Structures are given as C-alpha cells and as structure tokens.
C-alpha cells in the first residue's frame, strides 16, 4: 500500500525520555509500564510495552525513545496507554526499542 506524504504527516512521532518503568505482571503477555516525558508541549505520558525479552525496567529509565503521540488512549489491563512506544522485532520476534542515535531535545518530531 502506498501512502502520500500528507498521510505520513498525520502520524505524530516524537522523541521522549523514559522517566519511570515498572513491571506489569497483570498484562496478558509480559510487559513493562512506562512513563515517558515528551517535554513542555506534550508532557509526560503513560504506556505499556512488551519489552521484557531485552530490557529490565531499571535499565530503561533515562533512555530516549520514539513514540506515536496522537493515537487515542487505549486501555491495556489496568493501564491507560496514552502513547505507542516504537520498536522493531529482533530475529526471534522480541521488541527492540527505536530511539535517536544521539541525545536530542525532548518532543522533537520525526521527519
């Protein structure tokens, strides 16, 4: 399926910093609850991500990640997920987070 650049522009992907991460044992699949700071314009948002294959909660704090910030909130178990943190699958299908290769200002939009 081909999309236009205008279609791509509708997806608001921003950089944020994980400020807090906790195990999410109530999730159907192993997951971690995240709090991500996107800077003054967007603020801090919550999410849940299936990251347990490669990440422990304590090593995620401080990491910059990319996330879609303009999806509607979605209830995931006891967590209202406000953003979709982005990743790609490794060879076994486990999530590997996507983030900038260098430190960048929070809230920066992917283009």
C-alpha atoms as a PDB file:
ATOM      1  CA  UNK A   1       0.000   0.000   0.000  1.00  0.00           C
ATOM      2  CA  UNK A   2       1.331   3.402  -0.977  1.00  0.00           C
ATOM      3  CA  UNK A   3       0.567   6.491   1.105  1.00  0.00           C
ATOM      4  CA  UNK A   4       1.135  10.157   0.467  1.00  0.00           C
ATOM      5  CA  UNK A   5       3.458  12.413   2.428  1.00  0.00           C
ATOM      6  CA  UNK A   6       0.337  14.097   3.828  1.00  0.00           C
ATOM      7  CA  UNK A   7      -0.752  10.691   5.201  1.00  0.00           C
ATOM      8  CA  UNK A   8       2.646  10.275   6.873  1.00  0.00           C
ATOM      9  CA  UNK A   9       2.385  13.765   8.395  1.00  0.00           C
ATOM     10  CA  UNK A  10      -0.790  12.698  10.227  1.00  0.00           C
ATOM     11  CA  UNK A  11       1.241  10.302  12.385  1.00  0.00           C
ATOM     12  CA  UNK A  12       2.885  12.392  15.121  1.00  0.00           C
ATOM     13  CA  UNK A  13       6.069  10.573  16.173  1.00  0.00           C
ATOM     14  CA  UNK A  14       8.077  12.325  18.891  1.00  0.00           C
ATOM     15  CA  UNK A  15      11.152  11.677  20.992  1.00  0.00           C
ATOM     16  CA  UNK A  16      10.689  11.257  24.717  1.00  0.00           C
ATOM     17  CA  UNK A  17      12.693  10.121  27.726  1.00  0.00           C
ATOM     18  CA  UNK A  18      11.574   7.227  29.916  1.00  0.00           C
ATOM     19  CA  UNK A  19      11.309   8.679  33.426  1.00  0.00           C
ATOM     20  CA  UNK A  20       9.857   5.637  35.171  1.00  0.00           C
ATOM     21  CA  UNK A  21       9.483   1.939  34.324  1.00  0.00           C
ATOM     22  CA  UNK A  22       7.803  -0.810  36.342  1.00  0.00           C
ATOM     23  CA  UNK A  23       6.983  -4.473  35.815  1.00  0.00           C
ATOM     24  CA  UNK A  24       3.404  -5.019  34.611  1.00  0.00           C
ATOM     25  CA  UNK A  25       2.574  -8.532  35.871  1.00  0.00           C
ATOM     26  CA  UNK A  26      -1.175  -8.084  35.228  1.00  0.00           C
ATOM     27  CA  UNK A  27      -0.624  -7.912  31.448  1.00  0.00           C
ATOM     28  CA  UNK A  28      -1.604 -10.957  29.359  1.00  0.00           C
ATOM     29  CA  UNK A  29       1.886 -11.026  27.811  1.00  0.00           C
ATOM     30  CA  UNK A  30       4.985  -9.979  29.796  1.00  0.00           C
ATOM     31  CA  UNK A  31       5.201  -6.185  29.671  1.00  0.00           C
ATOM     32  CA  UNK A  32       6.628  -3.103  31.335  1.00  0.00           C
ATOM     33  CA  UNK A  33       4.678   0.036  32.299  1.00  0.00           C
ATOM     34  CA  UNK A  34       6.407   3.188  31.119  1.00  0.00           C
ATOM     35  CA  UNK A  35       6.175   6.887  31.870  1.00  0.00           C
ATOM     36  CA  UNK A  36       7.694   8.946  29.043  1.00  0.00           C
ATOM     37  CA  UNK A  37       8.451  12.685  29.166  1.00  0.00           C
ATOM     38  CA  UNK A  38       7.995  14.456  25.818  1.00  0.00           C
ATOM     39  CA  UNK A  39       8.908  17.937  27.048  1.00  0.00           C
ATOM     40  CA  UNK A  40       6.835  21.012  27.867  1.00  0.00           C
ATOM     41  CA  UNK A  41       4.457  20.900  24.876  1.00  0.00           C
ATOM     42  CA  UNK A  42       3.216  17.316  25.395  1.00  0.00           C
ATOM     43  CA  UNK A  43       4.321  16.465  28.939  1.00  0.00           C
ATOM     44  CA  UNK A  44       4.579  13.017  30.482  1.00  0.00           C
ATOM     45  CA  UNK A  45       2.512  10.141  29.045  1.00  0.00           C
ATOM     46  CA  UNK A  46       1.997   6.508  30.107  1.00  0.00           C
ATOM     47  CA  UNK A  47       2.392   3.388  28.007  1.00  0.00           C
ATOM     48  CA  UNK A  48       2.754  -0.370  28.271  1.00  0.00           C
ATOM     49  CA  UNK A  49       5.216  -2.273  26.108  1.00  0.00           C
ATOM     50  CA  UNK A  50       6.240  -5.904  25.682  1.00  0.00           C
ATOM     51  CA  UNK A  51       9.926  -5.280  26.280  1.00  0.00           C
ATOM     52  CA  UNK A  52      10.855  -7.946  28.819  1.00  0.00           C
ATOM     53  CA  UNK A  53      12.963 -10.074  26.435  1.00  0.00           C
ATOM     54  CA  UNK A  54      15.672  -7.409  26.126  1.00  0.00           C
ATOM     55  CA  UNK A  55      15.077  -4.860  28.882  1.00  0.00           C
ATOM     56  CA  UNK A  56      14.689  -4.709  32.642  1.00  0.00           C
ATOM     57  CA  UNK A  57      12.652  -1.770  33.987  1.00  0.00           C
ATOM     58  CA  UNK A  58      15.603  -0.191  35.800  1.00  0.00           C
ATOM     59  CA  UNK A  59      17.756  -0.035  32.648  1.00  0.00           C
ATOM     60  CA  UNK A  60      15.042   1.786  30.671  1.00  0.00           C
ATOM     61  CA  UNK A  61      14.945   4.893  32.869  1.00  0.00           C
ATOM     62  CA  UNK A  62      16.762   7.757  31.143  1.00  0.00           C
ATOM     63  CA  UNK A  63      16.594   6.196  27.679  1.00  0.00           C
ATOM     64  CA  UNK A  64      15.292   8.278  24.764  1.00  0.00           C
ATOM     65  CA  UNK A  65      12.657   6.545  22.622  1.00  0.00           C
ATOM     66  CA  UNK A  66      10.342   7.338  19.723  1.00  0.00           C
ATOM     67  CA  UNK A  67       6.587   7.095  20.174  1.00  0.00           C
ATOM     68  CA  UNK A  68       3.360   7.898  18.355  1.00  0.00           C
ATOM     69  CA  UNK A  69       1.704  10.577  20.488  1.00  0.00           C
ATOM     70  CA  UNK A  70      -1.536  11.193  18.585  1.00  0.00           C
ATOM     71  CA  UNK A  71      -3.314   7.828  18.835  1.00  0.00           C
ATOM     72  CA  UNK A  72      -6.349   7.812  21.139  1.00  0.00           C
ATOM     73  CA  UNK A  73      -5.674   6.372  24.630  1.00  0.00           C
ATOM     74  CA  UNK A  74      -6.151   2.598  24.881  1.00  0.00           C
ATOM     75  CA  UNK A  75      -6.922   0.538  27.965  1.00  0.00           C
ATOM     76  CA  UNK A  76      -4.363  -2.263  28.410  1.00  0.00           C
ATOM     77  CA  UNK A  77      -5.270  -4.177  31.539  1.00  0.00           C
ATOM     78  CA  UNK A  78      -5.110  -1.711  34.412  1.00  0.00           C
ATOM     79  CA  UNK A  79      -3.068   0.815  32.399  1.00  0.00           C
ATOM     80  CA  UNK A  80      -4.464   3.530  30.135  1.00  0.00           C
ATOM     81  CA  UNK A  81      -1.818   3.636  27.409  1.00  0.00           C
ATOM     82  CA  UNK A  82      -1.523   7.183  26.054  1.00  0.00           C
ATOM     83  CA  UNK A  83       1.288   6.695  23.503  1.00  0.00           C
ATOM     84  CA  UNK A  84       2.665   3.874  21.352  1.00  0.00           C
ATOM     85  CA  UNK A  85       6.378   3.411  22.045  1.00  0.00           C
ATOM     86  CA  UNK A  86       8.013   2.167  18.838  1.00  0.00           C
ATOM     87  CA  UNK A  87      10.271  -0.812  18.293  1.00  0.00           C
ATOM     88  CA  UNK A  88      11.248  -3.397  15.720  1.00  0.00           C
ATOM     89  CA  UNK A  89      11.451  -7.192  16.073  1.00  0.00           C
ATOM     90  CA  UNK A  90      14.727  -8.998  16.526  1.00  0.00           C
ATOM     91  CA  UNK A  91      15.317 -12.350  14.782  1.00  0.00           C
ATOM     92  CA  UNK A  92      13.117 -14.112  17.374  1.00  0.00           C
ATOM     93  CA  UNK A  93      10.333 -11.511  17.218  1.00  0.00           C
ATOM     94  CA  UNK A  94      11.142  -9.757  20.524  1.00  0.00           C
ATOM     95  CA  UNK A  95      10.857  -5.958  20.623  1.00  0.00           C
ATOM     96  CA  UNK A  96      13.957  -3.775  20.267  1.00  0.00           C
ATOM     97  CA  UNK A  97      13.264  -0.108  21.019  1.00  0.00           C
ATOM     98  CA  UNK A  98      13.813   2.650  18.468  1.00  0.00           C
ATOM     99  CA  UNK A  99      15.450   5.876  19.592  1.00  0.00           C
ATOM    100  CA  UNK A 100      17.781   8.580  18.320  1.00  0.00           C
ATOM    101  CA  UNK A 101      21.455   7.745  17.925  1.00  0.00           C
ATOM    102  CA  UNK A 102      22.436  10.950  19.760  1.00  0.00           C
ATOM    103  CA  UNK A 103      20.903  12.953  22.595  1.00  0.00           C
ATOM    104  CA  UNK A 104      18.186  15.232  21.157  1.00  0.00           C
ATOM    105  CA  UNK A 105      15.684  17.695  22.677  1.00  0.00           C
ATOM    106  CA  UNK A 106      12.523  16.112  24.106  1.00  0.00           C
ATOM    107  CA  UNK A 107       9.423  16.465  21.965  1.00  0.00           C
ATOM    108  CA  UNK A 108      11.310  16.604  18.669  1.00  0.00           C
ATOM    109  CA  UNK A 109       9.137  15.371  15.812  1.00  0.00           C
ATOM    110  CA  UNK A 110      10.285  12.648  13.414  1.00  0.00           C
ATOM    111  CA  UNK A 111      10.540  13.850   9.821  1.00  0.00           C
END
